[in-house]
PDB file of N, CA and C in Angstrom:
ATOM      1  N   MET A   1      10.716 -18.731   3.580  1.00  0.00           N
ATOM      2  CA  MET A   1      10.681 -17.634   2.505  1.00  0.00           C
ATOM      3  C   MET A   1      11.082 -16.727   1.804  1.00  0.00           C
ATOM      4  N   LYS A   2      12.643 -16.591   1.462  1.00  0.00           N
ATOM      5  CA  LYS A   2      12.814 -15.929   0.190  1.00  0.00           C
ATOM      6  C   LYS A   2      12.432 -14.753  -0.608  1.00  0.00           C
ATOM      7  N   THR A   3      12.058 -14.064  -0.378  1.00  0.00           N
ATOM      8  CA  THR A   3      12.289 -12.224  -1.613  1.00  0.00           C
ATOM      9  C   THR A   3      13.044 -12.212  -2.154  1.00  0.00           C
ATOM     10  N   ILE A   4      12.506 -11.958  -3.599  1.00  0.00           N
ATOM     11  CA  ILE A   4      13.605 -11.198  -4.919  1.00  0.00           C
ATOM     12  C   ILE A   4      12.767  -9.928  -4.931  1.00  0.00           C
ATOM     13  N   PRO A   5      13.923  -8.741  -5.110  1.00  0.00           N
ATOM     14  CA  PRO A   5      13.617  -7.824  -5.035  1.00  0.00           C
ATOM     15  C   PRO A   5      12.873  -7.201  -6.382  1.00  0.00           C
ATOM     16  N   TYR A   6      12.216  -6.473  -7.016  1.00  0.00           N
ATOM     17  CA  TYR A   6      12.279  -6.014  -7.805  1.00  0.00           C
ATOM     18  C   TYR A   6      13.105  -4.737  -8.487  1.00  0.00           C
ATOM     19  N   ASN A   7      13.422  -4.087  -9.315  1.00  0.00           N
ATOM     20  CA  ASN A   7      14.449  -2.940  -8.873  1.00  0.00           C
ATOM     21  C   ASN A   7      14.963  -2.692  -8.156  1.00  0.00           C
ATOM     22  N   GLY A   8      15.357  -3.514  -6.773  1.00  0.00           N
ATOM     23  CA  GLY A   8      15.083  -3.267  -5.897  1.00  0.00           C
ATOM     24  C   GLY A   8      14.253  -2.831  -4.540  1.00  0.00           C
ATOM     25  N   LYS A   9      12.911  -3.233  -4.849  1.00  0.00           N
ATOM     26  CA  LYS A   9      12.077  -3.183  -4.126  1.00  0.00           C
ATOM     27  C   LYS A   9      11.070  -4.209  -3.749  1.00  0.00           C
ATOM     28  N   ARG A  10      11.126  -4.514  -2.715  1.00  0.00           N
ATOM     29  CA  ARG A  10       9.666  -5.681  -2.304  1.00  0.00           C
ATOM     30  C   ARG A  10       8.438  -5.451  -2.918  1.00  0.00           C
ATOM     31  N   ASN A  11       7.998  -4.183  -3.120  1.00  0.00           N
ATOM     32  CA  ASN A  11       6.530  -4.467  -4.182  1.00  0.00           C
ATOM     33  C   ASN A  11       6.810  -3.617  -5.424  1.00  0.00           C
ATOM     34  N   ILE A  12       6.146  -3.156  -6.205  1.00  0.00           N
ATOM     35  CA  ILE A  12       5.992  -2.454  -7.333  1.00  0.00           C
ATOM     36  C   ILE A  12       4.472  -1.477  -6.914  1.00  0.00           C
ATOM     37  N   SER A  13       3.924  -1.054  -5.671  1.00  0.00           N
ATOM     38  CA  SER A  13       2.528  -0.536  -5.189  1.00  0.00           C
ATOM     39  C   SER A  13       2.402   0.784  -4.496  1.00  0.00           C
ATOM     40  N   GLY A  14       4.096   0.647  -4.164  1.00  0.00           N
ATOM     41  CA  GLY A  14       4.306   1.514  -2.997  1.00  0.00           C
ATOM     42  C   GLY A  14       4.281   3.361  -3.355  1.00  0.00           C
ATOM     43  N   GLU A  15       4.722   3.293  -4.136  1.00  0.00           N
ATOM     44  CA  GLU A  15       5.381   4.529  -4.722  1.00  0.00           C
ATOM     45  C   GLU A  15       3.174   4.645  -5.211  1.00  0.00           C
ATOM     46  N   ARG A  16       2.626   4.392  -5.722  1.00  0.00           N
ATOM     47  CA  ARG A  16       1.237   5.049  -6.266  1.00  0.00           C
ATOM     48  C   ARG A  16       0.144   4.701  -5.223  1.00  0.00           C
ATOM     49  N   ILE A  17       0.239   3.714  -3.861  1.00  0.00           N
ATOM     50  CA  ILE A  17      -0.679   4.058  -2.804  1.00  0.00           C
ATOM     51  C   ILE A  17       0.295   5.459  -2.080  1.00  0.00           C
ATOM     52  N   ARG A  18       1.000   5.504  -1.667  1.00  0.00           N
ATOM     53  CA  ARG A  18       1.783   6.989  -1.119  1.00  0.00           C
ATOM     54  C   ARG A  18       0.625   8.191  -2.324  1.00  0.00           C
ATOM     55  N   GLU A  19       1.040   8.366  -3.902  1.00  0.00           N
ATOM     56  CA  GLU A  19      -0.101   9.099  -4.597  1.00  0.00           C
ATOM     57  C   GLU A  19      -1.132   9.595  -4.404  1.00  0.00           C
ATOM     58  N   ALA A  20      -1.887   7.860  -4.315  1.00  0.00           N
ATOM     59  CA  ALA A  20      -3.684   8.115  -4.216  1.00  0.00           C
ATOM     60  C   ALA A  20      -3.522   8.832  -2.342  1.00  0.00           C
ATOM     61  N   ARG A  21      -3.468   8.088  -1.511  1.00  0.00           N
ATOM     62  CA  ARG A  21      -2.716   9.131  -0.154  1.00  0.00           C
ATOM     63  C   ARG A  21      -2.583  10.633  -0.347  1.00  0.00           C
ATOM     64  N   LEU A  22      -1.779  10.514  -0.675  1.00  0.00           N
ATOM     65  CA  LEU A  22      -1.556  11.745  -0.538  1.00  0.00           C
ATOM     66  C   LEU A  22      -2.785  12.735  -1.710  1.00  0.00           C
ATOM     67  N   LYS A  23      -3.001  12.376  -2.502  1.00  0.00           N
ATOM     68  CA  LYS A  23      -4.259  12.850  -3.012  1.00  0.00           C
ATOM     69  C   LYS A  23      -5.680  13.264  -2.454  1.00  0.00           C
ATOM     70  N   LEU A  24      -5.311  12.357  -1.470  1.00  0.00           N
ATOM     71  CA  LEU A  24      -6.974  12.031  -0.497  1.00  0.00           C
ATOM     72  C   LEU A  24      -6.823  13.166   0.729  1.00  0.00           C
ATOM     73  N   ARG A  25      -5.666  13.566   0.704  1.00  0.00           N
ATOM     74  CA  ARG A  25      -5.161  14.240   2.043  1.00  0.00           C
ATOM     75  C   ARG A  25      -4.971  13.211   2.947  1.00  0.00           C
ATOM     76  N   LEU A  26      -4.495  11.975   2.985  1.00  0.00           N
ATOM     77  CA  LEU A  26      -4.530  11.193   4.468  1.00  0.00           C
ATOM     78  C   LEU A  26      -2.942  11.310   4.825  1.00  0.00           C
ATOM     79  N   SER A  27      -2.755  10.959   5.902  1.00  0.00           N
ATOM     80  CA  SER A  27      -1.759  10.955   6.687  1.00  0.00           C
ATOM     81  C   SER A  27      -1.466   8.757   6.288  1.00  0.00           C
ATOM     82  N   GLN A  28      -0.058   8.837   6.860  1.00  0.00           N
ATOM     83  CA  GLN A  28       0.028   6.868   6.936  1.00  0.00           C
ATOM     84  C   GLN A  28      -1.066   6.534   8.127  1.00  0.00           C
ATOM     85  N   GLU A  29      -0.954   7.330   9.220  1.00  0.00           N
ATOM     86  CA  GLU A  29      -1.723   6.596  10.582  1.00  0.00           C
ATOM     87  C   GLU A  29      -3.563   6.575  10.122  1.00  0.00           C
ATOM     88  N   GLU A  30      -3.494   7.967   9.071  1.00  0.00           N
ATOM     89  CA  GLU A  30      -5.242   7.447   8.531  1.00  0.00           C
ATOM     90  C   GLU A  30      -4.976   6.074   8.394  1.00  0.00           C
ATOM     91  N   LEU A  31      -4.279   6.826   6.923  1.00  0.00           N
ATOM     92  CA  LEU A  31      -5.078   5.431   6.146  1.00  0.00           C
ATOM     93  C   LEU A  31      -4.772   4.063   6.328  1.00  0.00           C
ATOM     94  N   ALA A  32      -3.734   3.552   7.477  1.00  0.00           N
ATOM     95  CA  ALA A  32      -4.217   1.922   8.196  1.00  0.00           C
ATOM     96  C   ALA A  32      -5.271   2.368   8.545  1.00  0.00           C
ATOM     97  N   ALA A  33      -5.854   3.509   9.723  1.00  0.00           N
ATOM     98  CA  ALA A  33      -6.890   2.877  10.550  1.00  0.00           C
ATOM     99  C   ALA A  33      -7.817   2.543   9.483  1.00  0.00           C
ATOM    100  N   ARG A  34      -7.999   3.056   8.474  1.00  0.00           N
ATOM    101  CA  ARG A  34      -8.905   3.425   7.080  1.00  0.00           C
ATOM    102  C   ARG A  34      -9.181   1.564   7.097  1.00  0.00           C
ATOM    103  N   VAL A  35      -8.077   1.593   6.624  1.00  0.00           N
ATOM    104  CA  VAL A  35      -8.005  -0.095   6.413  1.00  0.00           C
ATOM    105  C   VAL A  35      -7.833  -0.792   6.907  1.00  0.00           C
ATOM    106  N   GLN A  36      -7.999  -0.761   8.519  1.00  0.00           N
ATOM    107  CA  GLN A  36      -8.298  -1.651   9.507  1.00  0.00           C
ATOM    108  C   GLN A  36      -9.761  -2.096  10.048  1.00  0.00           C
ATOM    109  N   THR A  37     -10.833  -0.551   9.063  1.00  0.00           N
ATOM    110  CA  THR A  37     -11.794  -0.936   9.568  1.00  0.00           C
ATOM    111  C   THR A  37     -12.507  -1.567   8.222  1.00  0.00           C
ATOM    112  N   GLU A  38     -11.767  -2.439   7.285  1.00  0.00           N
ATOM    113  CA  GLU A  38     -11.698  -3.157   5.997  1.00  0.00           C
ATOM    114  C   GLU A  38     -11.493  -4.677   6.799  1.00  0.00           C
ATOM    115  N   GLY A  39     -10.488  -4.285   7.543  1.00  0.00           N
ATOM    116  CA  GLY A  39     -10.758  -6.263   8.149  1.00  0.00           C
ATOM    117  C   GLY A  39      -9.195  -6.512   8.110  1.00  0.00           C
ATOM    118  N   VAL A  40      -8.740  -5.151   7.740  1.00  0.00           N
ATOM    119  CA  VAL A  40      -6.833  -5.846   7.505  1.00  0.00           C
ATOM    120  C   VAL A  40      -6.196  -5.389   8.322  1.00  0.00           C
ATOM    121  N   ILE A  41      -5.803  -5.979   9.552  1.00  0.00           N
ATOM    122  CA  ILE A  41      -5.130  -5.178  10.557  1.00  0.00           C
ATOM    123  C   ILE A  41      -3.399  -5.020  10.120  1.00  0.00           C
ATOM    124  N   VAL A  42      -3.416  -3.852  10.047  1.00  0.00           N
ATOM    125  CA  VAL A  42      -1.781  -2.539   9.629  1.00  0.00           C
ATOM    126  C   VAL A  42      -1.950  -1.263  10.562  1.00  0.00           C
ATOM    127  N   GLU A  43      -0.415  -1.499  10.716  1.00  0.00           N
ATOM    128  CA  GLU A  43      -0.068   0.250  11.585  1.00  0.00           C
ATOM    129  C   GLU A  43       0.437   0.832  10.527  1.00  0.00           C
ATOM    130  N   GLN A  44       0.579   2.202  11.185  1.00  0.00           N
ATOM    131  CA  GLN A  44       1.355   3.422  10.190  1.00  0.00           C
ATOM    132  C   GLN A  44       2.719   3.049   9.522  1.00  0.00           C
ATOM    133  N   ASP A  45       3.777   1.826  10.395  1.00  0.00           N
ATOM    134  CA  ASP A  45       4.955   1.456  10.136  1.00  0.00           C
ATOM    135  C   ASP A  45       4.967   0.745   8.882  1.00  0.00           C
ATOM    136  N   VAL A  46       3.599  -0.317   8.569  1.00  0.00           N
ATOM    137  CA  VAL A  46       3.897  -1.066   7.903  1.00  0.00           C
ATOM    138  C   VAL A  46       3.101  -0.195   6.485  1.00  0.00           C
ATOM    139  N   ILE A  47       2.622   0.996   6.556  1.00  0.00           N
ATOM    140  CA  ILE A  47       2.010   2.021   5.877  1.00  0.00           C
ATOM    141  C   ILE A  47       3.830   2.734   4.993  1.00  0.00           C
ATOM    142  N   CYS A  48       4.246   3.267   6.042  1.00  0.00           N
ATOM    143  CA  CYS A  48       5.651   3.691   5.546  1.00  0.00           C
ATOM    144  C   CYS A  48       6.265   2.485   4.798  1.00  0.00           C
ATOM    145  N   LYS A  49       6.397   1.556   5.570  1.00  0.00           N
ATOM    146  CA  LYS A  49       7.774   0.263   4.728  1.00  0.00           C
ATOM    147  C   LYS A  49       7.214  -0.024   3.703  1.00  0.00           C
ATOM    148  N   ILE A  50       5.773  -0.130   2.987  1.00  0.00           N
ATOM    149  CA  ILE A  50       5.426  -0.423   1.960  1.00  0.00           C
ATOM    150  C   ILE A  50       5.332   0.711   1.026  1.00  0.00           C
ATOM    151  N   GLU A  51       5.062   1.645   1.519  1.00  0.00           N
ATOM    152  CA  GLU A  51       5.951   3.026   0.657  1.00  0.00           C
ATOM    153  C   GLU A  51       6.892   3.243  -0.234  1.00  0.00           C
ATOM    154  N   HIS A  52       7.958   2.821   0.874  1.00  0.00           N
ATOM    155  CA  HIS A  52       9.225   2.763   0.750  1.00  0.00           C
ATOM    156  C   HIS A  52       9.951   1.540  -0.401  1.00  0.00           C
ATOM    157  N   GLY A  53       9.018   0.636   0.260  1.00  0.00           N
ATOM    158  CA  GLY A  53       9.235  -0.571  -1.070  1.00  0.00           C
ATOM    159  C   GLY A  53       9.897  -1.608  -0.047  1.00  0.00           C
ATOM    160  N   THR A  54       9.722  -0.679   0.805  1.00  0.00           N
ATOM    161  CA  THR A  54      10.524  -2.310   1.969  1.00  0.00           C
ATOM    162  C   THR A  54      10.231  -3.907   2.478  1.00  0.00           C
ATOM    163  N   ARG A  55       8.537  -3.531   2.242  1.00  0.00           N
ATOM    164  CA  ARG A  55       7.671  -4.403   2.737  1.00  0.00           C
ATOM    165  C   ARG A  55       7.159  -5.246   1.242  1.00  0.00           C
ATOM    166  N   LEU A  56       6.679  -6.086   1.556  1.00  0.00           N
ATOM    167  CA  LEU A  56       5.662  -7.465   0.489  1.00  0.00           C
ATOM    168  C   LEU A  56       4.348  -6.890   0.626  1.00  0.00           C
ATOM    169  N   VAL A  57       4.032  -6.904   0.220  1.00  0.00           N
ATOM    170  CA  VAL A  57       1.933  -6.375   0.308  1.00  0.00           C
ATOM    171  C   VAL A  57       1.312  -7.709  -0.147  1.00  0.00           C
ATOM    172  N   GLN A  58       0.426  -8.401   0.786  1.00  0.00           N
ATOM    173  CA  GLN A  58      -0.041  -9.625   0.127  1.00  0.00           C
ATOM    174  C   GLN A  58      -1.228  -8.875  -0.113  1.00  0.00           C
ATOM    175  N   ASP A  59      -1.875  -9.825  -0.823  1.00  0.00           N
ATOM    176  CA  ASP A  59      -2.740  -9.292  -1.578  1.00  0.00           C
ATOM    177  C   ASP A  59      -4.354  -8.596  -0.837  1.00  0.00           C
ATOM    178  N   PHE A  60      -4.418  -9.716  -0.032  1.00  0.00           N
ATOM    179  CA  PHE A  60      -5.591  -8.945   0.805  1.00  0.00           C
ATOM    180  C   PHE A  60      -5.813  -7.451   1.093  1.00  0.00           C
ATOM    181  N   GLU A  61      -4.232  -7.573   1.541  1.00  0.00           N
ATOM    182  CA  GLU A  61      -3.941  -6.097   1.882  1.00  0.00           C
ATOM    183  C   GLU A  61      -3.848  -5.225   0.832  1.00  0.00           C
ATOM    184  N   LEU A  62      -3.412  -5.513  -0.259  1.00  0.00           N
ATOM    185  CA  LEU A  62      -3.403  -4.130  -1.485  1.00  0.00           C
ATOM    186  C   LEU A  62      -4.982  -4.827  -1.411  1.00  0.00           C
ATOM    187  N   ARG A  63      -6.098  -5.278  -2.168  1.00  0.00           N
ATOM    188  CA  ARG A  63      -7.396  -5.312  -2.232  1.00  0.00           C
ATOM    189  C   ARG A  63      -7.814  -4.477  -0.964  1.00  0.00           C
ATOM    190  N   ALA A  64      -7.655  -3.970   0.132  1.00  0.00           N
ATOM    191  CA  ALA A  64      -8.670  -3.397   0.990  1.00  0.00           C
ATOM    192  C   ALA A  64      -7.887  -2.345   0.813  1.00  0.00           C
ATOM    193  N   ILE A  65      -6.177  -1.659   0.747  1.00  0.00           N
ATOM    194  CA  ILE A  65      -5.789  -0.599   0.467  1.00  0.00           C
ATOM    195  C   ILE A  65      -6.589   0.764  -0.394  1.00  0.00           C
ATOM    196  N   ALA A  66      -6.481  -0.542  -1.840  1.00  0.00           N
ATOM    197  CA  ALA A  66      -7.231   0.321  -2.938  1.00  0.00           C
ATOM    198  C   ALA A  66      -8.694   0.116  -2.861  1.00  0.00           C
ATOM    199  N   LYS A  67      -9.228  -0.642  -1.983  1.00  0.00           N
ATOM    200  CA  LYS A  67     -10.474  -0.089  -1.595  1.00  0.00           C
ATOM    201  C   LYS A  67     -10.624   1.333  -0.941  1.00  0.00           C
ATOM    202  N   THR A  68      -9.768   1.576   0.015  1.00  0.00           N
ATOM    203  CA  THR A  68     -10.037   2.887   0.677  1.00  0.00           C
ATOM    204  C   THR A  68      -9.534   3.870  -0.069  1.00  0.00           C
ATOM    205  N   LEU A  69      -8.768   3.646  -0.766  1.00  0.00           N
ATOM    206  CA  LEU A  69      -8.309   4.731  -1.198  1.00  0.00           C
ATOM    207  C   LEU A  69      -8.964   5.191  -2.792  1.00  0.00           C
ATOM    208  N   ARG A  70      -9.990   4.123  -3.025  1.00  0.00           N
ATOM    209  CA  ARG A  70     -10.548   4.570  -4.031  1.00  0.00           C
ATOM    210  C   ARG A  70     -10.091   3.927  -5.594  1.00  0.00           C
ATOM    211  N   VAL A  71      -9.438   3.392  -5.246  1.00  0.00           N
ATOM    212  CA  VAL A  71      -8.611   3.112  -6.934  1.00  0.00           C
ATOM    213  C   VAL A  71      -8.600   1.448  -7.291  1.00  0.00           C
ATOM    214  N   SER A  72      -8.343   1.387  -8.409  1.00  0.00           N
ATOM    215  CA  SER A  72      -8.165  -0.039  -8.711  1.00  0.00           C
ATOM    216  C   SER A  72      -7.025  -0.964  -8.243  1.00  0.00           C
ATOM    217  N   MET A  73      -7.089  -1.936  -7.771  1.00  0.00           N
ATOM    218  CA  MET A  73      -5.612  -2.842  -7.626  1.00  0.00           C
ATOM    219  C   MET A  73      -4.980  -2.890  -9.191  1.00  0.00           C
ATOM    220  N   ASP A  74      -5.758  -2.598 -10.113  1.00  0.00           N
ATOM    221  CA  ASP A  74      -4.716  -2.594 -11.375  1.00  0.00           C
ATOM    222  C   ASP A  74      -3.868  -1.339 -11.198  1.00  0.00           C
ATOM    223  N   TRP A  75      -4.326  -0.372 -11.004  1.00  0.00           N
ATOM    224  CA  TRP A  75      -4.281   1.364 -11.151  1.00  0.00           C
ATOM    225  C   TRP A  75      -2.616   1.091  -9.848  1.00  0.00           C
ATOM    226  N   LEU A  76      -2.595   0.590  -9.243  1.00  0.00           N
ATOM    227  CA  LEU A  76      -1.716   0.701  -7.997  1.00  0.00           C
ATOM    228  C   LEU A  76      -0.609  -0.501  -8.647  1.00  0.00           C
ATOM    229  N   THR A  77      -0.676  -1.246  -9.520  1.00  0.00           N
ATOM    230  CA  THR A  77       0.604  -2.289 -10.237  1.00  0.00           C
ATOM    231  C   THR A  77       0.711  -2.471 -11.048  1.00  0.00           C
ATOM    232  N   GLU A  78       0.533  -1.122 -11.714  1.00  0.00           N
ATOM    233  CA  GLU A  78       0.480  -0.083 -12.932  1.00  0.00           C
ATOM    234  C   GLU A  78       2.227   0.624 -12.932  1.00  0.00           C
ATOM    235  N   GLU A  79       2.654   0.272 -14.179  1.00  0.00           N
ATOM    236  CA  GLU A  79       4.161   1.352 -14.439  1.00  0.00           C
ATOM    237  C   GLU A  79       3.602   2.828 -14.885  1.00  0.00           C
ATOM    238  N   ASP A  80       4.167   3.782 -14.601  1.00  0.00           N
ATOM    239  CA  ASP A  80       4.250   4.964 -15.294  1.00  0.00           C
ATOM    240  C   ASP A  80       4.475   4.749 -16.568  1.00  0.00           C
TER     241      ASP A  80
END
C-alpha cells in the first residue's frame, strides 16, 4: 500500500502526542509501556517515529495512545 504524505508527514497526530506526553512528564519508553497495557504492542522507536511524523498511526494505536494520554482522539487530530 502506497502512502501519500500530508504536509510532508505520514500522520497529523504526532505533534499532539508529543505535547500530551510531555505534559504528563512521560518518556517515550514510558508511553510505549503504558500503551502496551492497553493491548497494543508498540516500542519506544515506534513512538519516536509517530511523533516525528515518519510513521503512519493505525486507528487502534491512536485510540490506545489517546486513552493512555487521557486526551480524545479528536484532540490528537485537530490542527492548531
